[in-house]
Amino acid sequence: MRAALFGLSVTLLALLGSVPAHAADDTDQQLPQLDRGEKLEKITLPAVLEKLTGWTKFGKGKVYMLPLKKGQHVRVTFSSKSKYAYMAIFDLSSNDDESFFGTDEDGNTADVTVNEDTTWLIKPYYSRVTRRRGLGAPYEILIDPNPPAAQQPADQQKDQGPMLFPPRSKQGQ
């Protein structure tokens, strides 16, 4: 009897282990392959600035899934004490397997207005190709749903009509 139960539980575990992580999700989006030990955490766009903190080492960390609606503007900023920790953002609605943003090439801040409903996969990772010491790296991700508007260049400001208070002339100073 115990052998039969053990065999049944091993079979169930094998079947459950082969189900992809996104099978229980309502979306038809494909998830990039997660490294062994990574945990998927679903988050929602916060109403105010949200800080996510964690530790990443060779796939032993959290990966965040963030659904976004068309027209939403969001700023995602990554920081770490380690120069070997990075973050990549994947657009799960795209057929492209590559990230559309990576801190190794694009800087530490992604400032994006979404053109269509989508889900992002935000993946902090520890570089495997560089020589380094230590067991991993701590990180911090800031998600800002209401980033301040970018300053317009001076030539665009001039085209907006008359100013209430014209700039001071330097002649009288």
N, C-alpha and C. Protein backbone atom coordinates (compact mmCIF):
# COMPACT_ATOMS: atom_id res chain seq x y z
N MET A 1 0.83 -1.20 0.00
CA MET A 1 0.00 0.00 0.00
C MET A 1 0.87 1.26 0.00
N ARG A 2 1.88 1.28 0.88
CA ARG A 2 2.77 2.45 0.94
C ARG A 2 3.51 2.64 -0.38
N ALA A 3 3.93 1.54 -0.97
CA ALA A 3 4.65 1.64 -2.24
C ALA A 3 3.75 2.22 -3.32
N ALA A 4 2.48 1.84 -3.34
CA ALA A 4 1.54 2.36 -4.32
C ALA A 4 1.31 3.85 -4.10
N LEU A 5 1.15 4.27 -2.84
CA LEU A 5 0.97 5.69 -2.54
C LEU A 5 2.21 6.49 -2.90
N PHE A 6 3.37 5.91 -2.60
CA PHE A 6 4.61 6.60 -2.94
C PHE A 6 4.73 6.76 -4.45
N GLY A 7 4.41 5.72 -5.20
CA GLY A 7 4.47 5.77 -6.66
C GLY A 7 3.49 6.80 -7.21
N LEU A 8 2.29 6.85 -6.64
CA LEU A 8 1.29 7.82 -7.06
C LEU A 8 1.74 9.25 -6.78
N SER A 9 2.32 9.47 -5.59
CA SER A 9 2.77 10.82 -5.26
C SER A 9 3.95 11.25 -6.13
N VAL A 10 4.84 10.32 -6.46
CA VAL A 10 5.96 10.65 -7.36
C VAL A 10 5.43 11.00 -8.75
N THR A 11 4.43 10.24 -9.22
CA THR A 11 3.83 10.52 -10.53
C THR A 11 3.16 11.89 -10.53
N LEU A 12 2.40 12.19 -9.46
CA LEU A 12 1.74 13.49 -9.37
C LEU A 12 2.75 14.63 -9.34
N LEU A 13 3.82 14.44 -8.57
CA LEU A 13 4.85 15.48 -8.51
C LEU A 13 5.49 15.68 -9.88
N ALA A 14 5.74 14.60 -10.60
CA ALA A 14 6.33 14.71 -11.93
C ALA A 14 5.40 15.46 -12.87
N LEU A 15 4.10 15.13 -12.80
CA LEU A 15 3.14 15.83 -13.65
C LEU A 15 3.01 17.29 -13.29
N LEU A 16 2.93 17.59 -12.00
CA LEU A 16 2.81 18.98 -11.57
C LEU A 16 4.08 19.76 -11.88
N GLY A 17 5.21 19.11 -11.76
CA GLY A 17 6.48 19.77 -12.04
C GLY A 17 6.64 20.12 -13.51
N SER A 18 5.93 19.39 -14.39
CA SER A 18 6.06 19.66 -15.82
C SER A 18 5.10 20.74 -16.31
N VAL A 19 4.17 21.18 -15.46
CA VAL A 19 3.24 22.24 -15.85
C VAL A 19 3.98 23.57 -15.82
N PRO A 20 3.94 24.35 -16.90
CA PRO A 20 4.64 25.63 -16.89
C PRO A 20 4.06 26.56 -15.83
N ALA A 21 4.90 27.51 -15.37
CA ALA A 21 4.50 28.41 -14.29
C ALA A 21 3.32 29.27 -14.68
N HIS A 22 3.11 29.55 -15.97
CA HIS A 22 2.04 30.43 -16.40
C HIS A 22 0.73 29.70 -16.67
N ALA A 23 0.68 28.37 -16.48
CA ALA A 23 -0.52 27.62 -16.83
C ALA A 23 -1.72 28.04 -15.99
N ALA A 24 -1.49 28.42 -14.74
CA ALA A 24 -2.59 28.81 -13.88
C ALA A 24 -3.04 30.24 -14.14
N ASP A 25 -2.28 30.97 -14.93
CA ASP A 25 -2.58 32.38 -15.21
C ASP A 25 -3.64 32.47 -16.30
N ASP A 26 -4.45 33.54 -16.29
CA ASP A 26 -5.51 33.72 -17.28
C ASP A 26 -4.96 34.21 -18.62
N THR A 27 -3.75 34.70 -18.65
CA THR A 27 -3.21 35.28 -19.87
C THR A 27 -2.60 34.21 -20.75
N ASP A 28 -2.50 34.51 -22.04
CA ASP A 28 -1.88 33.59 -22.98
C ASP A 28 -0.44 33.97 -23.24
N GLN A 29 0.14 34.78 -22.38
CA GLN A 29 1.48 35.27 -22.61
C GLN A 29 2.51 34.22 -22.20
N GLN A 30 3.58 34.15 -22.98
CA GLN A 30 4.65 33.23 -22.68
C GLN A 30 5.63 33.87 -21.71
N LEU A 31 6.02 33.13 -20.70
CA LEU A 31 7.03 33.61 -19.77
C LEU A 31 8.40 33.20 -20.28
N PRO A 32 9.38 34.09 -20.16
CA PRO A 32 10.74 33.65 -20.45
C PRO A 32 11.11 32.57 -19.43
N GLN A 33 12.02 31.74 -19.81
CA GLN A 33 12.40 30.65 -18.93
C GLN A 33 13.04 31.21 -17.66
N LEU A 34 12.52 30.81 -16.52
CA LEU A 34 13.09 31.24 -15.25
C LEU A 34 14.23 30.30 -14.89
N ASP A 35 15.24 30.85 -14.25
CA ASP A 35 16.33 30.01 -13.78
C ASP A 35 15.86 29.18 -12.59
N ARG A 36 16.51 28.06 -12.40
CA ARG A 36 16.15 27.19 -11.28
C ARG A 36 16.31 27.96 -9.98
N GLY A 37 15.29 27.91 -9.15
CA GLY A 37 15.34 28.59 -7.87
C GLY A 37 14.69 29.96 -7.87
N GLU A 38 14.40 30.51 -9.06
CA GLU A 38 13.73 31.81 -9.11
C GLU A 38 12.26 31.65 -8.74
N LYS A 39 11.74 32.67 -8.06
CA LYS A 39 10.35 32.66 -7.65
C LYS A 39 9.64 33.81 -8.34
N LEU A 40 8.49 33.50 -8.94
CA LEU A 40 7.70 34.51 -9.64
C LEU A 40 6.77 35.17 -8.64
N GLU A 41 6.82 36.51 -8.58
CA GLU A 41 5.94 37.27 -7.70
C GLU A 41 5.13 38.23 -8.55
N LYS A 42 3.81 38.08 -8.50
CA LYS A 42 2.94 38.97 -9.25
C LYS A 42 2.69 40.22 -8.42
N ILE A 43 2.88 41.38 -9.06
CA ILE A 43 2.66 42.65 -8.38
C ILE A 43 1.69 43.47 -9.23
N THR A 44 1.10 44.48 -8.64
CA THR A 44 0.24 45.39 -9.39
C THR A 44 0.90 46.76 -9.38
N LEU A 45 0.52 47.58 -10.35
CA LEU A 45 1.07 48.93 -10.40
C LEU A 45 0.60 49.66 -9.15
N PRO A 46 1.53 50.12 -8.34
CA PRO A 46 1.14 50.77 -7.09
C PRO A 46 0.54 52.15 -7.35
N ALA A 47 -0.18 52.66 -6.35
CA ALA A 47 -0.76 54.00 -6.46
C ALA A 47 0.30 55.07 -6.21
N VAL A 48 1.30 54.72 -5.41
CA VAL A 48 2.41 55.63 -5.10
C VAL A 48 3.71 54.85 -5.28
N LEU A 49 4.82 55.54 -5.12
CA LEU A 49 6.14 54.93 -5.26
C LEU A 49 6.25 53.68 -4.40
N GLU A 50 6.69 52.57 -5.00
CA GLU A 50 6.87 51.32 -4.26
C GLU A 50 8.31 50.86 -4.38
N LYS A 51 8.85 50.35 -3.27
CA LYS A 51 10.22 49.86 -3.25
C LYS A 51 10.21 48.35 -3.06
N LEU A 52 10.85 47.63 -4.00
CA LEU A 52 11.02 46.19 -3.90
C LEU A 52 12.48 45.94 -3.58
N THR A 53 12.75 45.13 -2.60
CA THR A 53 14.13 44.81 -2.27
C THR A 53 14.31 43.30 -2.28
N GLY A 54 15.53 42.88 -2.53
CA GLY A 54 15.80 41.45 -2.55
C GLY A 54 17.27 41.18 -2.72
N TRP A 55 17.56 39.91 -2.95
CA TRP A 55 18.91 39.41 -3.11
C TRP A 55 18.90 38.50 -4.33
N THR A 56 19.87 38.65 -5.21
CA THR A 56 19.92 37.79 -6.38
C THR A 56 21.28 37.12 -6.49
N LYS A 57 21.26 35.84 -6.82
CA LYS A 57 22.48 35.09 -7.05
C LYS A 57 22.16 33.90 -7.93
N PHE A 58 22.61 33.94 -9.15
CA PHE A 58 22.47 32.81 -10.07
C PHE A 58 21.07 32.22 -10.06
N GLY A 59 20.07 33.06 -10.19
CA GLY A 59 18.72 32.55 -10.31
C GLY A 59 18.06 32.19 -9.00
N LYS A 60 18.63 32.58 -7.90
CA LYS A 60 18.00 32.31 -6.62
C LYS A 60 17.46 33.62 -6.07
N GLY A 61 16.40 34.09 -6.67
CA GLY A 61 15.81 35.35 -6.26
C GLY A 61 14.41 35.48 -6.81
N LYS A 62 13.85 36.66 -6.64
CA LYS A 62 12.50 36.93 -7.12
C LYS A 62 12.54 37.51 -8.52
N VAL A 63 11.50 37.20 -9.28
CA VAL A 63 11.24 37.79 -10.58
C VAL A 63 9.83 38.33 -10.50
N TYR A 64 9.63 39.56 -10.95
CA TYR A 64 8.35 40.24 -10.75
C TYR A 64 7.56 40.34 -12.05
N MET A 65 6.27 40.07 -11.98
CA MET A 65 5.38 40.19 -13.12
C MET A 65 4.44 41.35 -12.85
N LEU A 66 4.47 42.37 -13.75
CA LEU A 66 3.72 43.61 -13.56
C LEU A 66 2.80 43.86 -14.76
N PRO A 67 1.47 43.70 -14.58
CA PRO A 67 0.53 44.02 -15.67
C PRO A 67 0.33 45.53 -15.77
N LEU A 68 0.26 46.02 -17.01
CA LEU A 68 0.08 47.45 -17.27
C LEU A 68 -1.01 47.65 -18.31
N LYS A 69 -1.71 48.78 -18.21
CA LYS A 69 -2.78 49.13 -19.14
C LYS A 69 -2.28 50.18 -20.13
N LYS A 70 -2.91 50.20 -21.29
CA LYS A 70 -2.57 51.16 -22.33
C LYS A 70 -2.62 52.59 -21.77
N GLY A 71 -1.58 53.37 -22.07
CA GLY A 71 -1.52 54.76 -21.65
C GLY A 71 -0.87 54.99 -20.29
N GLN A 72 -0.65 53.93 -19.51
CA GLN A 72 -0.01 54.13 -18.21
C GLN A 72 1.45 54.50 -18.41
N HIS A 73 1.90 55.41 -17.57
CA HIS A 73 3.30 55.83 -17.59
C HIS A 73 3.94 55.33 -16.31
N VAL A 74 5.07 54.68 -16.42
CA VAL A 74 5.73 54.11 -15.24
C VAL A 74 7.24 54.29 -15.38
N ARG A 75 7.87 54.50 -14.24
CA ARG A 75 9.32 54.61 -14.17
C ARG A 75 9.82 53.51 -13.23
N VAL A 76 10.75 52.69 -13.72
CA VAL A 76 11.33 51.60 -12.94
C VAL A 76 12.82 51.90 -12.81
N THR A 77 13.28 52.03 -11.56
CA THR A 77 14.69 52.36 -11.30
C THR A 77 15.33 51.23 -10.51
N PHE A 78 16.49 50.80 -10.95
CA PHE A 78 17.22 49.70 -10.31
C PHE A 78 18.49 50.24 -9.66
N SER A 79 18.81 49.73 -8.48
CA SER A 79 20.08 50.07 -7.85
C SER A 79 20.58 48.87 -7.05
N SER A 80 21.89 48.80 -6.91
CA SER A 80 22.52 47.73 -6.15
C SER A 80 23.88 48.20 -5.67
N LYS A 81 24.31 47.65 -4.55
CA LYS A 81 25.66 47.95 -4.06
C LYS A 81 26.71 47.25 -4.90
N SER A 82 26.31 46.21 -5.61
CA SER A 82 27.23 45.44 -6.43
C SER A 82 27.23 45.95 -7.86
N LYS A 83 28.40 46.04 -8.45
CA LYS A 83 28.46 46.44 -9.85
C LYS A 83 28.21 45.25 -10.78
N TYR A 84 27.93 44.07 -10.23
CA TYR A 84 27.66 42.89 -11.02
C TYR A 84 26.18 42.49 -11.00
N ALA A 85 25.35 43.29 -10.36
CA ALA A 85 23.91 43.03 -10.33
C ALA A 85 23.24 43.93 -11.37
N TYR A 86 22.30 43.36 -12.10
CA TYR A 86 21.61 44.06 -13.16
C TYR A 86 20.11 43.74 -13.12
N MET A 87 19.36 44.41 -13.98
CA MET A 87 17.94 44.14 -14.11
C MET A 87 17.60 44.16 -15.60
N ALA A 88 16.71 43.25 -16.00
CA ALA A 88 16.19 43.23 -17.36
C ALA A 88 14.67 43.26 -17.28
N ILE A 89 14.04 43.95 -18.25
CA ILE A 89 12.58 43.99 -18.32
C ILE A 89 12.15 43.39 -19.65
N PHE A 90 11.29 42.38 -19.57
CA PHE A 90 10.76 41.71 -20.75
C PHE A 90 9.30 42.11 -20.94
N ASP A 91 8.88 42.30 -22.18
CA ASP A 91 7.49 42.57 -22.51
C ASP A 91 6.87 41.23 -22.89
N LEU A 92 6.00 40.70 -22.04
CA LEU A 92 5.45 39.37 -22.28
C LEU A 92 4.41 39.35 -23.40
N SER A 93 3.92 40.52 -23.83
CA SER A 93 2.97 40.54 -24.94
C SER A 93 3.69 40.50 -26.29
N SER A 94 5.00 40.64 -26.26
CA SER A 94 5.81 40.63 -27.47
C SER A 94 6.30 39.21 -27.75
N ASN A 95 6.51 38.90 -29.01
CA ASN A 95 7.06 37.60 -29.37
C ASN A 95 8.58 37.56 -29.25
N ASP A 96 9.17 38.71 -28.96
CA ASP A 96 10.62 38.83 -28.85
C ASP A 96 11.10 38.22 -27.54
N ASP A 97 12.11 37.35 -27.62
CA ASP A 97 12.65 36.71 -26.42
C ASP A 97 13.62 37.62 -25.67
N GLU A 98 14.04 38.70 -26.32
CA GLU A 98 15.01 39.61 -25.72
C GLU A 98 14.30 40.64 -24.85
N SER A 99 15.03 41.13 -23.85
CA SER A 99 14.47 42.18 -23.01
C SER A 99 14.43 43.48 -23.80
N PHE A 100 13.45 44.34 -23.50
CA PHE A 100 13.42 45.64 -24.17
C PHE A 100 14.17 46.67 -23.36
N PHE A 101 14.53 46.34 -22.12
CA PHE A 101 15.30 47.25 -21.29
C PHE A 101 16.24 46.42 -20.43
N GLY A 102 17.49 46.85 -20.35
CA GLY A 102 18.47 46.20 -19.49
C GLY A 102 19.40 47.23 -18.90
N THR A 103 19.64 47.16 -17.59
CA THR A 103 20.47 48.16 -16.95
C THR A 103 21.93 48.06 -17.38
N ASP A 104 22.34 46.94 -17.92
CA ASP A 104 23.72 46.82 -18.38
C ASP A 104 24.00 47.69 -19.60
N GLU A 105 22.97 48.00 -20.41
CA GLU A 105 23.17 48.82 -21.60
C GLU A 105 22.38 50.12 -21.59
N ASP A 106 21.22 50.15 -20.91
CA ASP A 106 20.31 51.28 -21.01
C ASP A 106 20.32 52.22 -19.81
N GLY A 107 21.17 51.99 -18.83
CA GLY A 107 21.17 52.83 -17.64
C GLY A 107 20.31 52.20 -16.56
N ASN A 108 20.13 52.91 -15.46
CA ASN A 108 19.43 52.33 -14.31
C ASN A 108 17.94 52.62 -14.27
N THR A 109 17.41 53.43 -15.21
CA THR A 109 16.01 53.82 -15.15
C THR A 109 15.31 53.61 -16.47
N ALA A 110 14.19 52.89 -16.42
CA ALA A 110 13.30 52.75 -17.57
C ALA A 110 12.12 53.68 -17.32
N ASP A 111 11.87 54.60 -18.23
CA ASP A 111 10.79 55.58 -18.12
C ASP A 111 9.92 55.41 -19.35
N VAL A 112 8.78 54.71 -19.21
CA VAL A 112 8.03 54.24 -20.38
C VAL A 112 6.54 54.57 -20.25
N THR A 113 5.94 54.99 -21.35
CA THR A 113 4.49 55.06 -21.47
C THR A 113 4.06 53.87 -22.32
N VAL A 114 3.14 53.08 -21.81
CA VAL A 114 2.75 51.83 -22.45
C VAL A 114 1.76 52.12 -23.58
N ASN A 115 2.00 51.55 -24.77
CA ASN A 115 1.16 51.78 -25.94
C ASN A 115 -0.04 50.84 -26.02
N GLU A 116 0.02 49.72 -25.32
CA GLU A 116 -1.07 48.75 -25.32
C GLU A 116 -1.04 47.96 -24.03
N ASP A 117 -2.15 47.30 -23.69
CA ASP A 117 -2.17 46.47 -22.49
C ASP A 117 -1.08 45.42 -22.61
N THR A 118 -0.34 45.23 -21.55
CA THR A 118 0.79 44.30 -21.57
C THR A 118 1.12 43.84 -20.17
N THR A 119 2.06 42.94 -20.07
CA THR A 119 2.61 42.51 -18.79
C THR A 119 4.12 42.51 -18.92
N TRP A 120 4.78 43.10 -17.95
CA TRP A 120 6.24 43.10 -17.94
C TRP A 120 6.74 42.05 -16.96
N LEU A 121 7.87 41.47 -17.29
CA LEU A 121 8.59 40.60 -16.38
C LEU A 121 9.86 41.36 -15.99
N ILE A 122 9.98 41.71 -14.72
CA ILE A 122 11.13 42.47 -14.22
C ILE A 122 12.04 41.46 -13.53
N LYS A 123 13.24 41.31 -14.07
CA LYS A 123 14.12 40.24 -13.61
C LYS A 123 15.47 40.78 -13.16
N PRO A 124 15.69 40.88 -11.84
CA PRO A 124 17.03 41.21 -11.35
C PRO A 124 17.93 39.99 -11.52
N TYR A 125 19.19 40.21 -11.86
CA TYR A 125 20.09 39.07 -12.00
C TYR A 125 21.52 39.45 -11.64
N TYR A 126 22.30 38.44 -11.35
CA TYR A 126 23.71 38.59 -10.98
C TYR A 126 24.53 38.07 -12.16
N SER A 127 25.41 38.88 -12.68
CA SER A 127 26.17 38.54 -13.88
C SER A 127 27.03 37.31 -13.65
N ARG A 128 26.99 36.41 -14.61
CA ARG A 128 27.79 35.18 -14.52
C ARG A 128 29.08 35.27 -15.33
N VAL A 129 29.22 36.28 -16.14
CA VAL A 129 30.36 36.32 -17.05
C VAL A 129 31.54 37.13 -16.52
N THR A 130 31.36 37.84 -15.42
CA THR A 130 32.45 38.66 -14.90
C THR A 130 33.06 38.00 -13.67
N ARG A 131 34.31 38.28 -13.46
CA ARG A 131 34.95 37.76 -12.25
C ARG A 131 34.45 38.58 -11.07
N ARG A 132 34.08 37.91 -10.02
CA ARG A 132 33.55 38.62 -8.87
C ARG A 132 33.73 37.78 -7.62
N ARG A 133 33.53 38.44 -6.51
CA ARG A 133 33.61 37.76 -5.22
C ARG A 133 32.27 37.92 -4.53
N GLY A 134 31.98 37.05 -3.63
CA GLY A 134 30.76 37.16 -2.86
C GLY A 134 29.71 36.15 -3.28
N LEU A 135 28.65 36.12 -2.54
CA LEU A 135 27.63 35.11 -2.73
C LEU A 135 26.41 35.62 -3.49
N GLY A 136 26.44 36.83 -3.95
CA GLY A 136 25.31 37.41 -4.65
C GLY A 136 25.29 38.90 -4.41
N ALA A 137 24.13 39.49 -4.61
CA ALA A 137 24.05 40.94 -4.46
C ALA A 137 22.66 41.37 -4.03
N PRO A 138 22.60 42.35 -3.12
CA PRO A 138 21.30 42.93 -2.78
C PRO A 138 20.91 43.93 -3.87
N TYR A 139 19.62 44.16 -4.02
CA TYR A 139 19.16 45.13 -5.00
C TYR A 139 17.93 45.85 -4.44
N GLU A 140 17.62 46.95 -5.13
CA GLU A 140 16.43 47.72 -4.82
C GLU A 140 15.82 48.17 -6.15
N ILE A 141 14.51 47.96 -6.28
CA ILE A 141 13.79 48.39 -7.47
C ILE A 141 12.70 49.36 -7.02
N LEU A 142 12.70 50.55 -7.60
CA LEU A 142 11.65 51.53 -7.32
C LEU A 142 10.69 51.56 -8.50
N ILE A 143 9.41 51.41 -8.22
CA ILE A 143 8.38 51.50 -9.25
C ILE A 143 7.56 52.74 -8.97
N ASP A 144 7.65 53.70 -9.89
CA ASP A 144 6.97 54.99 -9.73
C ASP A 144 5.86 55.09 -10.78
N PRO A 145 4.59 55.02 -10.35
CA PRO A 145 3.49 55.09 -11.30
C PRO A 145 3.16 56.52 -11.73
N ASN A 146 3.71 57.50 -11.03
CA ASN A 146 3.41 58.92 -11.33
C ASN A 146 4.71 59.72 -11.40
N PRO A 147 5.60 59.37 -12.33
CA PRO A 147 6.85 60.13 -12.37
C PRO A 147 6.58 61.57 -12.79
N PRO A 148 7.38 62.51 -12.30
CA PRO A 148 7.19 63.92 -12.69
C PRO A 148 7.39 64.07 -14.19
N ALA A 149 6.66 65.00 -14.77
CA ALA A 149 6.75 65.23 -16.21
C ALA A 149 8.15 65.71 -16.56
N ALA A 150 8.64 65.26 -17.68
CA ALA A 150 9.96 65.67 -18.14
C ALA A 150 9.91 67.14 -18.55
N GLN A 151 11.00 67.83 -18.32
CA GLN A 151 11.08 69.23 -18.71
C GLN A 151 11.12 69.33 -20.23
N GLN A 152 10.39 70.29 -20.77
CA GLN A 152 10.42 70.50 -22.21
C GLN A 152 11.64 71.35 -22.57
N PRO A 153 12.22 71.09 -23.72
CA PRO A 153 13.33 71.93 -24.17
C PRO A 153 12.87 73.37 -24.32
N ALA A 154 13.79 74.31 -24.19
CA ALA A 154 13.46 75.74 -24.22
C ALA A 154 12.80 76.15 -25.52
N ASP A 155 13.21 75.56 -26.67
CA ASP A 155 12.62 75.96 -27.94
C ASP A 155 11.15 75.54 -28.04
N GLN A 156 10.74 74.45 -27.37
CA GLN A 156 9.34 74.05 -27.37
C GLN A 156 8.52 74.93 -26.43
N GLN A 157 9.12 75.43 -25.37
CA GLN A 157 8.42 76.31 -24.44
C GLN A 157 8.07 77.63 -25.10
N LYS A 158 8.90 78.10 -26.00
CA LYS A 158 8.66 79.38 -26.69
C LYS A 158 7.43 79.29 -27.57
N ASP A 159 7.16 78.10 -28.13
CA ASP A 159 6.03 77.93 -29.04
C ASP A 159 4.69 77.83 -28.33
N GLN A 160 4.65 77.93 -27.03
CA GLN A 160 3.42 77.75 -26.29
C GLN A 160 2.68 79.05 -26.04
N GLY A 161 3.02 80.11 -26.72
CA GLY A 161 2.31 81.37 -26.58
C GLY A 161 3.01 82.32 -25.64
N PRO A 162 2.34 83.45 -25.33
CA PRO A 162 2.98 84.47 -24.49
C PRO A 162 3.15 83.98 -23.06
N MET A 163 4.22 84.46 -22.44
CA MET A 163 4.53 84.09 -21.06
C MET A 163 3.95 85.15 -20.13
N LEU A 164 3.50 84.75 -18.98
CA LEU A 164 3.00 85.71 -18.01
C LEU A 164 4.10 86.63 -17.51
N PHE A 165 5.25 86.04 -17.24
CA PHE A 165 6.38 86.82 -16.76
C PHE A 165 7.57 86.55 -17.68
N PRO A 166 7.85 87.49 -18.57
CA PRO A 166 8.95 87.28 -19.50
C PRO A 166 10.28 87.22 -18.73
N PRO A 167 11.26 86.55 -19.29
CA PRO A 167 12.56 86.44 -18.62
C PRO A 167 13.19 87.82 -18.47
N ARG A 168 13.94 88.00 -17.39
CA ARG A 168 14.61 89.28 -17.13
C ARG A 168 15.70 89.52 -18.15
N SER A 169 15.84 90.76 -18.53
CA SER A 169 16.95 91.09 -19.43
C SER A 169 18.18 91.29 -18.57
N LYS A 170 19.32 91.02 -19.12
CA LYS A 170 20.56 91.12 -18.36
C LYS A 170 21.14 92.53 -18.42
N GLN A 171 20.52 93.45 -19.17
CA GLN A 171 21.07 94.80 -19.32
C GLN A 171 21.03 95.58 -18.01
N GLY A 172 19.97 95.42 -17.23
CA GLY A 172 19.81 96.20 -16.02
C GLY A 172 20.56 95.64 -14.82
N GLN A 173 21.24 94.54 -14.96
CA GLN A 173 21.91 93.92 -13.80
C GLN A 173 23.33 94.33 -13.66
